[in-house]
C-alpha cells in the first residue's frame, strides 16, 4: 500500500509540475505582449503630446494662444491623448480578437 501511495504521489507531482510549467510559459508570453503594447501606447501618447506642443508653440501666434485659452480647457492635450488612446486600444482589441478567432486581418 505505501508503494501505491508513493507512485500516485509521484505521478500527481509530475502532472502538477507539467501544468505549472505550461501555464508559466503562457503567462510569460502574455506578459511580454502586454509590456510591448503598453510601451507602444506610452510612446504614442508622448508623440501626440510632442506634436500638439510643437504646433501650439511654433505655428500659433501668442495672441491667438491667449484667446484660445479662454475657450479651450487646460487639459485639452490630455483629452486628445485619451481619445486617440481609446482608438488605439480598440484597434488592438479588435486585432487580438481576430487573431484569436483565426480570421484574416
Protein backbone atom coordinates (compact mmCIF):
# COMPACT_ATOMS: atom_id res chain seq x y z
CA UNK A 1 0.00 0.00 0.00
CA UNK A 2 2.78 2.54 0.75
CA UNK A 3 4.26 1.76 -2.66
CA UNK A 4 0.97 2.64 -4.37
CA UNK A 5 0.77 5.90 -2.39
CA UNK A 6 4.31 6.81 -3.39
CA UNK A 7 3.57 6.01 -7.02
CA UNK A 8 0.40 8.14 -7.05
CA UNK A 9 2.14 11.00 -5.24
CA UNK A 10 4.99 10.97 -7.76
CA UNK A 11 2.57 10.83 -10.68
CA UNK A 12 0.49 13.68 -9.23
CA UNK A 13 3.63 15.76 -8.63
CA UNK A 14 4.85 15.30 -12.19
CA UNK A 15 1.44 16.24 -13.61
CA UNK A 16 1.28 19.38 -11.46
CA UNK A 17 4.85 20.27 -12.49
CA UNK A 18 3.98 19.91 -16.19
CA UNK A 19 0.81 22.00 -15.87
CA UNK A 20 2.63 24.70 -13.89
CA UNK A 21 5.41 24.88 -16.48
CA UNK A 22 2.88 25.08 -19.32
CA UNK A 23 0.94 27.93 -17.71
CA UNK A 24 4.13 29.73 -16.67
CA UNK A 25 5.29 29.87 -20.28
CA UNK A 26 1.89 31.08 -21.47
CA UNK A 27 1.81 33.71 -18.72
CA UNK A 28 5.32 34.89 -19.57
CA UNK A 29 4.39 35.26 -23.24
CA UNK A 30 1.23 37.19 -22.41
CA UNK A 31 3.10 39.49 -20.01
CA UNK A 32 5.71 40.17 -22.70
CA UNK A 33 2.98 41.05 -25.19
CA UNK A 34 1.29 43.28 -22.61
CA UNK A 35 4.57 45.07 -21.88
CA UNK A 36 5.08 45.66 -25.60
CA UNK A 37 1.58 47.06 -26.05
CA UNK A 38 1.98 49.35 -23.04
CA UNK A 39 5.32 50.60 -24.38
CA UNK A 40 3.76 51.34 -27.78
CA UNK A 41 0.84 53.20 -26.21
CA UNK A 42 3.11 55.27 -23.97
CA UNK A 43 5.29 56.12 -26.95
CA UNK A 44 2.21 57.05 -28.97
CA UNK A 45 0.88 59.35 -26.24
CA UNK A 46 4.27 61.03 -25.93
CA UNK A 47 4.43 61.56 -29.70
CA UNK A 48 0.97 63.13 -29.75
CA UNK A 49 1.91 65.46 -26.90
CA UNK A 50 5.09 66.47 -28.72
CA UNK A 51 3.21 67.21 -31.94
CA UNK A 52 0.50 69.22 -30.20
CA UNK A 53 3.01 71.20 -28.16
CA UNK A 54 5.07 71.83 -31.28
CA UNK A 55 2.05 73.08 -33.19
CA UNK A 56 0.88 75.35 -30.39
CA UNK A 57 4.34 76.77 -29.65
CA UNK A 58 5.51 77.32 -33.24
CA UNK A 59 2.56 77.63 -35.62
CA UNK A 60 0.12 79.62 -33.49
CA UNK A 61 0.89 83.24 -32.54
CA UNK A 62 0.94 84.06 -28.83
CA UNK A 63 -2.10 86.37 -29.12
CA UNK A 64 -4.15 83.53 -30.59
CA UNK A 65 -2.92 81.19 -27.86
CA UNK A 66 -4.18 83.62 -25.22
CA UNK A 67 -7.57 83.92 -26.95
CA UNK A 68 -7.81 80.13 -27.31
CA UNK A 69 -7.06 79.66 -23.62
CA UNK A 70 -10.30 81.46 -22.83
CA UNK A 71 -12.43 78.81 -24.58
CA UNK A 72 -10.30 75.64 -24.55
CA UNK A 73 -9.83 73.61 -21.40
CA UNK A 74 -6.40 73.48 -19.83
CA UNK A 75 -6.35 69.69 -20.18
CA UNK A 76 -7.01 69.67 -23.94
CA UNK A 77 -3.84 67.72 -24.71
CA UNK A 78 -4.80 65.05 -22.19
CA UNK A 79 -8.31 64.81 -23.67
CA UNK A 80 -6.95 64.37 -27.20
CA UNK A 81 -4.49 61.75 -25.97
CA UNK A 82 -7.27 59.85 -24.21
CA UNK A 83 -9.44 59.85 -27.32
CA UNK A 84 -6.60 58.69 -29.57
CA UNK A 85 -5.52 56.14 -26.97
CA UNK A 86 -9.06 54.76 -26.89
CA UNK A 87 -9.00 54.34 -30.66
CA UNK A 88 -5.64 52.58 -30.50
CA UNK A 89 -6.82 50.33 -27.66
CA UNK A 90 -9.95 49.41 -29.63
CA UNK A 91 -7.85 48.64 -32.71
CA UNK A 92 -5.52 46.42 -30.66
CA UNK A 93 -8.51 44.67 -29.07
CA UNK A 94 -10.14 44.02 -32.46
CA UNK A 95 -6.84 42.81 -33.88
CA UNK A 96 -6.32 40.43 -30.96
CA UNK A 97 -9.85 39.02 -31.25
CA UNK A 98 -9.40 38.45 -34.97
CA UNK A 99 -6.12 36.65 -34.34
CA UNK A 100 -7.66 34.50 -31.62
CA UNK A 101 -10.61 33.56 -33.83
CA UNK A 102 -8.32 32.81 -36.77
CA UNK A 103 -9.84 35.36 -39.10
CA UNK A 104 -7.79 37.22 -41.67
CA UNK A 105 -6.67 40.72 -40.84
